[in-house]
Amino acid sequence: QKQTLYNKIRSTGYDATGYLDGIEVVRMDYLDVLTLLKGVSYVYFTSNKSQTVELCEWMDKNTDNVRNIFKGASVKTVHSQTNHNAVYTDIMLYRLNTI
C-alpha cells in the first residue's frame, strides 16, 4: 500500500515538560550581545545576510574608541543553497582565550 508523508507525521503532541528548566532566556539587541564578548572565549554564529562583522570592521577602522571584537578570531564558513536562487553562507567566529 502506498503511503504519503502526511500519514507519517505524528498527530499527538510531544511532552517537553522541564526541557528548559534551569535555562535563563535573555532577549538582547545584537549590538548588546557584542559587548558581552569582550575579553572572554566565545562562539558567535551569523551569516552573510547579516552585516555585523562588516560593521565591526568599519567601526574599528573609522573610529578611535571602538575595537573590532572579531579581530583575530578564527572563522569557519559553510556555503549553503536552499534552492536554485537562494544561496547564503553560514559563518562561525570563535575565540578561545587561554590562561
N, C-alpha and C. Protein backbone atom coordinates (compact mmCIF):
# COMPACT_ATOMS: atom_id res chain seq x y z
N GLN A 1 0.84 -1.18 0.00
CA GLN A 1 0.00 0.00 0.00
C GLN A 1 0.89 1.24 0.00
N LYS A 2 0.62 2.15 -0.90
CA LYS A 2 1.36 3.41 -0.99
C LYS A 2 0.92 4.34 0.13
N GLN A 3 1.94 4.94 0.82
CA GLN A 3 1.65 5.88 1.89
C GLN A 3 2.27 7.22 1.54
N THR A 4 1.63 8.27 1.95
CA THR A 4 2.16 9.61 1.71
C THR A 4 2.73 10.18 3.00
N LEU A 5 3.45 11.27 2.88
CA LEU A 5 4.13 11.88 4.02
C LEU A 5 3.17 12.23 5.15
N TYR A 6 2.02 12.81 4.83
CA TYR A 6 1.13 13.24 5.89
C TYR A 6 0.63 12.08 6.74
N ASN A 7 0.68 10.87 6.24
CA ASN A 7 0.31 9.71 7.05
C ASN A 7 1.42 9.32 8.02
N LYS A 8 2.59 9.89 7.88
CA LYS A 8 3.74 9.56 8.72
C LYS A 8 3.97 10.58 9.83
N ILE A 9 3.30 11.70 9.77
CA ILE A 9 3.50 12.75 10.75
C ILE A 9 2.77 12.41 12.04
N ARG A 10 3.48 12.54 13.15
CA ARG A 10 2.89 12.24 14.46
C ARG A 10 1.73 13.20 14.73
N SER A 11 0.60 12.67 15.10
CA SER A 11 -0.58 13.52 15.30
C SER A 11 -0.76 13.95 16.76
N THR A 12 -0.05 13.34 17.70
CA THR A 12 -0.15 13.74 19.10
C THR A 12 1.05 14.61 19.46
N GLY A 13 0.87 15.45 20.47
CA GLY A 13 1.93 16.36 20.89
C GLY A 13 3.05 15.65 21.63
N TYR A 14 4.19 16.29 21.66
CA TYR A 14 5.32 15.80 22.42
C TYR A 14 5.31 16.44 23.80
N ASP A 15 5.71 15.71 24.80
CA ASP A 15 5.80 16.26 26.15
C ASP A 15 7.21 16.78 26.38
N ALA A 16 7.34 18.09 26.51
CA ALA A 16 8.65 18.72 26.73
C ALA A 16 8.73 19.35 28.12
N THR A 17 7.93 18.84 29.04
CA THR A 17 7.92 19.37 30.40
C THR A 17 9.32 19.31 31.00
N GLY A 18 9.80 20.45 31.49
CA GLY A 18 11.10 20.51 32.14
C GLY A 18 12.27 20.60 31.20
N TYR A 19 12.03 20.61 29.91
CA TYR A 19 13.12 20.62 28.94
C TYR A 19 14.05 21.82 29.11
N LEU A 20 13.51 22.97 29.41
CA LEU A 20 14.32 24.18 29.55
C LEU A 20 14.50 24.61 31.00
N ASP A 21 14.25 23.73 31.94
CA ASP A 21 14.45 24.05 33.35
C ASP A 21 15.91 24.44 33.58
N GLY A 22 16.11 25.53 34.30
CA GLY A 22 17.47 25.98 34.61
C GLY A 22 18.09 26.87 33.54
N ILE A 23 17.40 27.07 32.44
CA ILE A 23 17.91 27.93 31.35
C ILE A 23 17.33 29.33 31.53
N GLU A 24 18.19 30.32 31.48
CA GLU A 24 17.72 31.71 31.55
C GLU A 24 17.62 32.24 30.12
N VAL A 25 16.46 32.65 29.73
CA VAL A 25 16.24 33.20 28.40
C VAL A 25 16.42 34.71 28.48
N VAL A 26 17.34 35.22 27.69
CA VAL A 26 17.64 36.64 27.70
C VAL A 26 17.42 37.18 26.29
N ARG A 27 16.70 38.26 26.18
CA ARG A 27 16.49 38.89 24.89
C ARG A 27 17.32 40.17 24.86
N MET A 28 18.23 40.23 23.90
CA MET A 28 19.11 41.39 23.79
C MET A 28 19.23 41.80 22.34
N ASP A 29 19.47 43.05 22.12
CA ASP A 29 19.82 43.55 20.80
C ASP A 29 21.17 42.96 20.41
N TYR A 30 21.40 42.70 19.12
CA TYR A 30 22.66 42.08 18.72
C TYR A 30 23.87 42.92 19.07
N LEU A 31 23.73 44.24 19.11
CA LEU A 31 24.86 45.08 19.49
C LEU A 31 25.16 44.93 20.98
N ASP A 32 24.14 44.71 21.80
CA ASP A 32 24.36 44.45 23.22
C ASP A 32 25.10 43.13 23.42
N VAL A 33 24.78 42.14 22.60
CA VAL A 33 25.46 40.85 22.70
C VAL A 33 26.96 41.02 22.44
N LEU A 34 27.31 41.88 21.50
CA LEU A 34 28.72 42.08 21.17
C LEU A 34 29.51 42.60 22.36
N THR A 35 28.88 43.39 23.23
CA THR A 35 29.60 43.91 24.40
C THR A 35 29.94 42.80 25.38
N LEU A 36 29.18 41.71 25.36
CA LEU A 36 29.47 40.58 26.25
C LEU A 36 30.68 39.78 25.81
N LEU A 37 31.10 39.92 24.56
CA LEU A 37 32.19 39.11 24.02
C LEU A 37 33.58 39.63 24.37
N LYS A 38 33.65 40.84 24.88
CA LYS A 38 34.94 41.47 25.17
C LYS A 38 35.71 40.70 26.25
N GLY A 39 36.88 40.19 25.88
CA GLY A 39 37.78 39.56 26.82
C GLY A 39 37.41 38.15 27.27
N VAL A 40 36.44 37.52 26.62
CA VAL A 40 36.04 36.17 27.00
C VAL A 40 36.11 35.24 25.79
N SER A 41 36.17 33.95 26.05
CA SER A 41 36.05 32.97 24.96
C SER A 41 34.62 33.00 24.45
N TYR A 42 34.46 32.86 23.14
CA TYR A 42 33.10 32.88 22.59
C TYR A 42 33.03 32.10 21.30
N VAL A 43 31.80 31.73 20.95
CA VAL A 43 31.45 31.20 19.64
C VAL A 43 30.27 32.05 19.19
N TYR A 44 30.39 32.67 18.01
CA TYR A 44 29.37 33.58 17.51
C TYR A 44 28.94 33.11 16.13
N PHE A 45 27.66 32.88 15.96
CA PHE A 45 27.12 32.43 14.68
C PHE A 45 26.41 33.58 13.97
N THR A 46 26.65 33.69 12.68
CA THR A 46 26.00 34.70 11.86
C THR A 46 25.94 34.17 10.44
N SER A 47 25.58 35.02 9.50
CA SER A 47 25.58 34.62 8.10
C SER A 47 25.94 35.84 7.25
N ASN A 48 26.14 35.60 5.97
CA ASN A 48 26.45 36.73 5.08
C ASN A 48 25.22 37.60 4.83
N LYS A 49 24.06 37.19 5.32
CA LYS A 49 22.87 38.03 5.22
C LYS A 49 22.91 39.16 6.25
N SER A 50 23.68 38.95 7.31
CA SER A 50 23.87 39.97 8.34
C SER A 50 25.13 40.76 8.02
N GLN A 51 25.19 41.98 8.45
CA GLN A 51 26.40 42.79 8.21
C GLN A 51 27.10 43.14 9.51
N THR A 52 26.90 42.31 10.53
CA THR A 52 27.50 42.56 11.83
C THR A 52 29.02 42.58 11.76
N VAL A 53 29.61 41.61 11.09
CA VAL A 53 31.08 41.53 11.00
C VAL A 53 31.62 42.75 10.26
N GLU A 54 30.98 43.13 9.17
CA GLU A 54 31.41 44.30 8.41
C GLU A 54 31.26 45.58 9.23
N LEU A 55 30.19 45.67 10.01
CA LEU A 55 30.00 46.83 10.87
C LEU A 55 31.14 46.94 11.89
N CYS A 56 31.50 45.83 12.51
CA CYS A 56 32.59 45.84 13.49
C CYS A 56 33.92 46.22 12.85
N GLU A 57 34.17 45.73 11.63
CA GLU A 57 35.39 46.10 10.91
C GLU A 57 35.40 47.59 10.59
N TRP A 58 34.26 48.11 10.15
CA TRP A 58 34.15 49.53 9.82
C TRP A 58 34.36 50.40 11.05
N MET A 59 33.74 50.02 12.17
CA MET A 59 33.88 50.79 13.41
C MET A 59 35.33 50.82 13.87
N ASP A 60 36.02 49.69 13.75
CA ASP A 60 37.43 49.61 14.15
C ASP A 60 38.29 50.53 13.29
N LYS A 61 37.99 50.57 12.01
CA LYS A 61 38.78 51.36 11.06
C LYS A 61 38.47 52.85 11.14
N ASN A 62 37.23 53.22 11.40
CA ASN A 62 36.80 54.60 11.25
C ASN A 62 36.50 55.34 12.56
N THR A 63 36.70 54.70 13.69
CA THR A 63 36.51 55.38 14.96
C THR A 63 37.75 55.19 15.82
N ASP A 64 37.94 56.09 16.76
CA ASP A 64 39.11 56.00 17.63
C ASP A 64 38.88 55.14 18.87
N ASN A 65 37.64 54.96 19.26
CA ASN A 65 37.39 54.31 20.54
C ASN A 65 36.62 53.00 20.48
N VAL A 66 36.40 52.45 19.28
CA VAL A 66 35.67 51.19 19.15
C VAL A 66 36.59 50.17 18.49
N ARG A 67 36.80 49.06 19.21
CA ARG A 67 37.66 47.99 18.71
C ARG A 67 36.80 46.89 18.09
N ASN A 68 37.28 46.31 17.01
CA ASN A 68 36.59 45.19 16.35
C ASN A 68 36.69 43.96 17.25
N ILE A 69 35.59 43.54 17.82
CA ILE A 69 35.56 42.41 18.74
C ILE A 69 35.94 41.10 18.04
N PHE A 70 35.81 41.04 16.73
CA PHE A 70 36.11 39.83 15.98
C PHE A 70 37.54 39.80 15.43
N LYS A 71 38.31 40.88 15.62
CA LYS A 71 39.67 40.93 15.10
C LYS A 71 40.51 39.81 15.73
N GLY A 72 41.11 38.98 14.89
CA GLY A 72 41.93 37.87 15.37
C GLY A 72 41.15 36.60 15.69
N ALA A 73 39.83 36.64 15.54
CA ALA A 73 39.02 35.45 15.82
C ALA A 73 39.20 34.43 14.69
N SER A 74 39.03 33.16 15.01
CA SER A 74 39.03 32.11 13.99
C SER A 74 37.68 32.10 13.31
N VAL A 75 37.68 31.79 12.02
CA VAL A 75 36.45 31.83 11.22
C VAL A 75 36.29 30.54 10.46
N LYS A 76 35.09 29.98 10.50
CA LYS A 76 34.72 28.82 9.69
C LYS A 76 33.46 29.19 8.93
N THR A 77 33.39 28.81 7.67
CA THR A 77 32.22 29.12 6.85
C THR A 77 31.69 27.86 6.19
N VAL A 78 30.39 27.86 5.95
CA VAL A 78 29.72 26.80 5.21
C VAL A 78 28.82 27.46 4.20
N HIS A 79 29.01 27.13 2.94
CA HIS A 79 28.18 27.69 1.87
C HIS A 79 26.98 26.77 1.67
N SER A 80 25.79 27.35 1.67
CA SER A 80 24.56 26.57 1.57
C SER A 80 23.67 27.12 0.47
N GLN A 81 22.88 26.24 -0.09
CA GLN A 81 21.93 26.64 -1.12
C GLN A 81 20.63 25.90 -0.86
N THR A 82 19.56 26.64 -0.60
CA THR A 82 18.28 26.03 -0.31
C THR A 82 17.47 25.74 -1.57
N ASN A 83 17.71 26.52 -2.62
CA ASN A 83 17.12 26.25 -3.93
C ASN A 83 18.00 26.94 -4.98
N HIS A 84 17.57 26.97 -6.20
CA HIS A 84 18.43 27.48 -7.28
C HIS A 84 18.78 28.96 -7.16
N ASN A 85 18.02 29.73 -6.42
CA ASN A 85 18.35 31.15 -6.32
C ASN A 85 18.49 31.65 -4.87
N ALA A 86 18.50 30.76 -3.91
CA ALA A 86 18.69 31.15 -2.51
C ALA A 86 20.00 30.57 -1.99
N VAL A 87 21.02 31.41 -2.02
CA VAL A 87 22.36 30.99 -1.60
C VAL A 87 22.78 31.87 -0.43
N TYR A 88 23.40 31.27 0.56
CA TYR A 88 23.90 32.04 1.70
C TYR A 88 25.11 31.33 2.29
N THR A 89 25.80 32.03 3.17
CA THR A 89 26.96 31.47 3.84
C THR A 89 26.76 31.57 5.35
N ASP A 90 26.81 30.44 6.03
CA ASP A 90 26.81 30.44 7.49
C ASP A 90 28.22 30.71 7.96
N ILE A 91 28.36 31.53 8.99
CA ILE A 91 29.68 31.92 9.49
C ILE A 91 29.74 31.66 10.99
N MET A 92 30.81 30.99 11.42
CA MET A 92 31.06 30.81 12.84
C MET A 92 32.39 31.49 13.16
N LEU A 93 32.34 32.44 14.07
CA LEU A 93 33.55 33.11 14.55
C LEU A 93 33.77 32.64 15.98
N TYR A 94 35.01 32.34 16.32
CA TYR A 94 35.26 31.91 17.70
C TYR A 94 36.63 32.34 18.17
N ARG A 95 36.69 32.56 19.46
CA ARG A 95 37.95 32.92 20.12
C ARG A 95 38.01 32.12 21.42
N LEU A 96 39.10 31.43 21.58
CA LEU A 96 39.30 30.66 22.80
C LEU A 96 40.45 31.30 23.55
N ASN A 97 40.11 32.01 24.62
CA ASN A 97 41.14 32.66 25.44
C ASN A 97 41.76 31.61 26.36
N THR A 98 43.07 31.60 26.41
CA THR A 98 43.76 30.69 27.29
C THR A 98 44.37 31.47 28.45
N ILE A 99 44.49 30.81 29.55
CA ILE A 99 45.02 31.48 30.75
C ILE A 99 46.53 31.53 30.71
